[in-house]
Amino acid sequence: MTPTLQPERRKRSSDPLKIARLKEKINNEAYLQTAIQRLAQVVSNEYVGLGNGGLYDERKWDGRQ
């Protein structure tokens, strides 16, 4: 019998300060619009094949603030 690989489990964070900050962000209309726009850009780039490197490659983009 072949053993099955178990996915690595991440420790769940229940930091009240972190949760409060996330709640503030999701209630901010400008933040939501920016997040939706960014998500659409990433999906579009991957769909048309631009996700294989270059300036806007989401998988390699470091240094976000």
N, C-alpha and C. Protein backbone atom coordinates (compact mmCIF):
# COMPACT_ATOMS: atom_id res chain seq x y z
N MET A 1 0.84 -1.18 0.00
CA MET A 1 0.00 0.00 0.00
C MET A 1 0.89 1.25 0.00
N THR A 2 0.58 2.19 -0.87
CA THR A 2 1.35 3.42 -0.97
C THR A 2 0.82 4.43 0.04
N PRO A 3 1.71 5.00 0.85
CA PRO A 3 1.23 6.01 1.81
C PRO A 3 0.78 7.28 1.08
N THR A 4 -0.25 7.90 1.59
CA THR A 4 -0.74 9.14 0.99
C THR A 4 -0.02 10.32 1.63
N LEU A 5 0.24 11.31 0.82
CA LEU A 5 0.89 12.52 1.32
C LEU A 5 -0.15 13.44 1.93
N GLN A 6 0.12 13.89 3.11
CA GLN A 6 -0.78 14.81 3.79
C GLN A 6 -0.33 16.24 3.51
N PRO A 7 -1.28 17.11 3.17
CA PRO A 7 -0.88 18.51 2.95
C PRO A 7 -0.34 19.13 4.23
N GLU A 8 0.60 20.02 4.04
CA GLU A 8 1.18 20.71 5.19
C GLU A 8 0.14 21.62 5.81
N ARG A 9 -0.07 21.50 7.09
CA ARG A 9 -1.07 22.33 7.76
C ARG A 9 -0.42 23.58 8.31
N ARG A 10 -1.09 24.69 8.10
CA ARG A 10 -0.61 25.95 8.63
C ARG A 10 -1.27 26.24 9.96
N LYS A 11 -0.51 26.86 10.83
CA LYS A 11 -1.05 27.25 12.11
C LYS A 11 -2.02 28.41 11.89
N ARG A 12 -3.22 28.26 12.40
CA ARG A 12 -4.22 29.31 12.25
C ARG A 12 -3.95 30.43 13.23
N SER A 13 -4.05 31.63 12.72
CA SER A 13 -3.80 32.79 13.55
C SER A 13 -5.13 33.37 14.02
N SER A 14 -5.25 33.61 15.28
CA SER A 14 -6.46 34.23 15.80
C SER A 14 -6.12 35.51 16.56
N ASP A 15 -5.11 36.20 16.06
CA ASP A 15 -4.66 37.45 16.67
C ASP A 15 -5.77 38.49 16.53
N PRO A 16 -6.35 38.96 17.62
CA PRO A 16 -7.46 39.93 17.55
C PRO A 16 -7.09 41.22 16.83
N LEU A 17 -5.86 41.70 16.98
CA LEU A 17 -5.44 42.92 16.30
C LEU A 17 -5.41 42.71 14.79
N LYS A 18 -4.89 41.57 14.36
CA LYS A 18 -4.83 41.26 12.94
C LYS A 18 -6.24 41.13 12.35
N ILE A 19 -7.12 40.51 13.07
CA ILE A 19 -8.51 40.35 12.62
C ILE A 19 -9.19 41.71 12.52
N ALA A 20 -8.95 42.58 13.49
CA ALA A 20 -9.54 43.93 13.46
C ALA A 20 -9.04 44.73 12.26
N ARG A 21 -7.76 44.61 11.95
CA ARG A 21 -7.21 45.31 10.79
C ARG A 21 -7.82 44.80 9.49
N LEU A 22 -8.00 43.49 9.39
CA LEU A 22 -8.62 42.92 8.20
C LEU A 22 -10.07 43.37 8.05
N LYS A 23 -10.79 43.46 9.16
CA LYS A 23 -12.17 43.95 9.11
C LYS A 23 -12.23 45.39 8.62
N GLU A 24 -11.28 46.20 9.07
CA GLU A 24 -11.23 47.59 8.60
C GLU A 24 -10.99 47.63 7.10
N LYS A 25 -10.08 46.79 6.62
CA LYS A 25 -9.76 46.79 5.20
C LYS A 25 -10.96 46.38 4.35
N ILE A 26 -11.68 45.33 4.76
CA ILE A 26 -12.78 44.87 3.91
C ILE A 26 -13.97 45.81 3.95
N ASN A 27 -14.01 46.70 4.92
CA ASN A 27 -15.07 47.71 4.96
C ASN A 27 -14.67 49.00 4.25
N ASN A 28 -13.47 49.04 3.70
CA ASN A 28 -12.97 50.22 2.99
C ASN A 28 -13.22 50.02 1.50
N GLU A 29 -14.10 50.83 0.91
CA GLU A 29 -14.48 50.69 -0.50
C GLU A 29 -13.27 50.82 -1.43
N ALA A 30 -12.39 51.76 -1.16
CA ALA A 30 -11.22 51.97 -2.02
C ALA A 30 -10.30 50.74 -1.98
N TYR A 31 -10.11 50.16 -0.80
CA TYR A 31 -9.29 48.96 -0.67
C TYR A 31 -9.88 47.81 -1.46
N LEU A 32 -11.19 47.61 -1.35
CA LEU A 32 -11.84 46.53 -2.08
C LEU A 32 -11.73 46.72 -3.58
N GLN A 33 -11.93 47.94 -4.06
CA GLN A 33 -11.81 48.20 -5.50
C GLN A 33 -10.40 47.91 -5.99
N THR A 34 -9.40 48.31 -5.21
CA THR A 34 -8.01 48.06 -5.60
C THR A 34 -7.71 46.57 -5.59
N ALA A 35 -8.19 45.86 -4.58
CA ALA A 35 -7.96 44.42 -4.50
C ALA A 35 -8.62 43.68 -5.66
N ILE A 36 -9.84 44.07 -6.00
CA ILE A 36 -10.55 43.44 -7.12
C ILE A 36 -9.83 43.72 -8.43
N GLN A 37 -9.38 44.96 -8.61
CA GLN A 37 -8.66 45.32 -9.83
C GLN A 37 -7.36 44.54 -9.95
N ARG A 38 -6.64 44.42 -8.84
CA ARG A 38 -5.38 43.67 -8.86
C ARG A 38 -5.62 42.20 -9.16
N LEU A 39 -6.63 41.62 -8.57
CA LEU A 39 -6.96 40.22 -8.82
C LEU A 39 -7.31 40.01 -10.29
N ALA A 40 -8.10 40.91 -10.86
CA ALA A 40 -8.47 40.82 -12.27
C ALA A 40 -7.23 40.93 -13.16
N GLN A 41 -6.29 41.79 -12.80
CA GLN A 41 -5.08 41.94 -13.59
C GLN A 41 -4.24 40.67 -13.56
N VAL A 42 -4.09 40.08 -12.39
CA VAL A 42 -3.30 38.86 -12.26
C VAL A 42 -3.93 37.73 -13.06
N VAL A 43 -5.24 37.56 -12.92
CA VAL A 43 -5.93 36.49 -13.65
C VAL A 43 -5.83 36.72 -15.15
N SER A 44 -6.02 37.95 -15.58
CA SER A 44 -5.94 38.27 -17.01
C SER A 44 -4.53 38.00 -17.55
N ASN A 45 -3.50 38.41 -16.81
CA ASN A 45 -2.13 38.17 -17.24
C ASN A 45 -1.84 36.68 -17.35
N GLU A 46 -2.31 35.89 -16.42
CA GLU A 46 -2.09 34.46 -16.48
C GLU A 46 -2.88 33.83 -17.63
N TYR A 47 -4.06 34.34 -17.89
CA TYR A 47 -4.91 33.81 -18.96
C TYR A 47 -4.28 34.04 -20.34
N VAL A 48 -3.71 35.21 -20.55
CA VAL A 48 -3.12 35.51 -21.86
C VAL A 48 -1.65 35.10 -21.93
N GLY A 49 -1.13 34.48 -20.90
CA GLY A 49 0.22 33.94 -20.93
C GLY A 49 1.31 34.91 -20.53
N LEU A 50 0.96 35.99 -19.87
CA LEU A 50 1.98 36.93 -19.42
C LEU A 50 2.51 36.58 -18.03
N GLY A 51 2.02 35.51 -17.45
CA GLY A 51 2.44 35.13 -16.10
C GLY A 51 3.70 34.30 -16.07
N ASN A 52 4.47 34.30 -17.15
CA ASN A 52 5.69 33.51 -17.20
C ASN A 52 6.93 34.36 -17.06
N GLY A 53 6.88 35.37 -16.27
CA GLY A 53 8.02 36.25 -16.04
C GLY A 53 7.69 37.65 -16.49
N GLY A 54 8.63 38.52 -16.33
CA GLY A 54 8.41 39.90 -16.75
C GLY A 54 8.08 40.79 -15.57
N LEU A 55 7.78 42.02 -15.87
CA LEU A 55 7.59 43.05 -14.85
C LEU A 55 6.43 42.76 -13.91
N TYR A 56 5.33 42.24 -14.43
CA TYR A 56 4.14 42.08 -13.61
C TYR A 56 3.86 40.64 -13.20
N ASP A 57 4.86 39.80 -13.18
CA ASP A 57 4.65 38.41 -12.79
C ASP A 57 4.35 38.35 -11.30
N GLU A 58 3.13 38.00 -10.95
CA GLU A 58 2.67 38.00 -9.55
C GLU A 58 3.47 37.00 -8.70
N ARG A 59 3.86 35.90 -9.27
CA ARG A 59 4.54 34.86 -8.50
C ARG A 59 5.97 35.26 -8.12
N LYS A 60 6.52 36.24 -8.82
CA LYS A 60 7.90 36.65 -8.54
C LYS A 60 8.01 38.08 -8.05
N TRP A 61 6.89 38.73 -7.83
CA TRP A 61 6.88 40.14 -7.45
C TRP A 61 7.09 40.28 -5.96
N ASP A 62 8.25 40.72 -5.57
CA ASP A 62 8.58 40.89 -4.15
C ASP A 62 8.62 42.36 -3.80
N GLY A 63 8.54 42.65 -2.55
CA GLY A 63 8.69 44.01 -2.08
C GLY A 63 7.41 44.81 -2.04
N ARG A 64 6.25 44.11 -2.08
CA ARG A 64 5.00 44.85 -1.99
C ARG A 64 4.84 45.42 -0.60
N GLN A 65 4.10 46.52 -0.50
CA GLN A 65 3.91 47.17 0.79
C GLN A 65 2.48 47.08 1.23
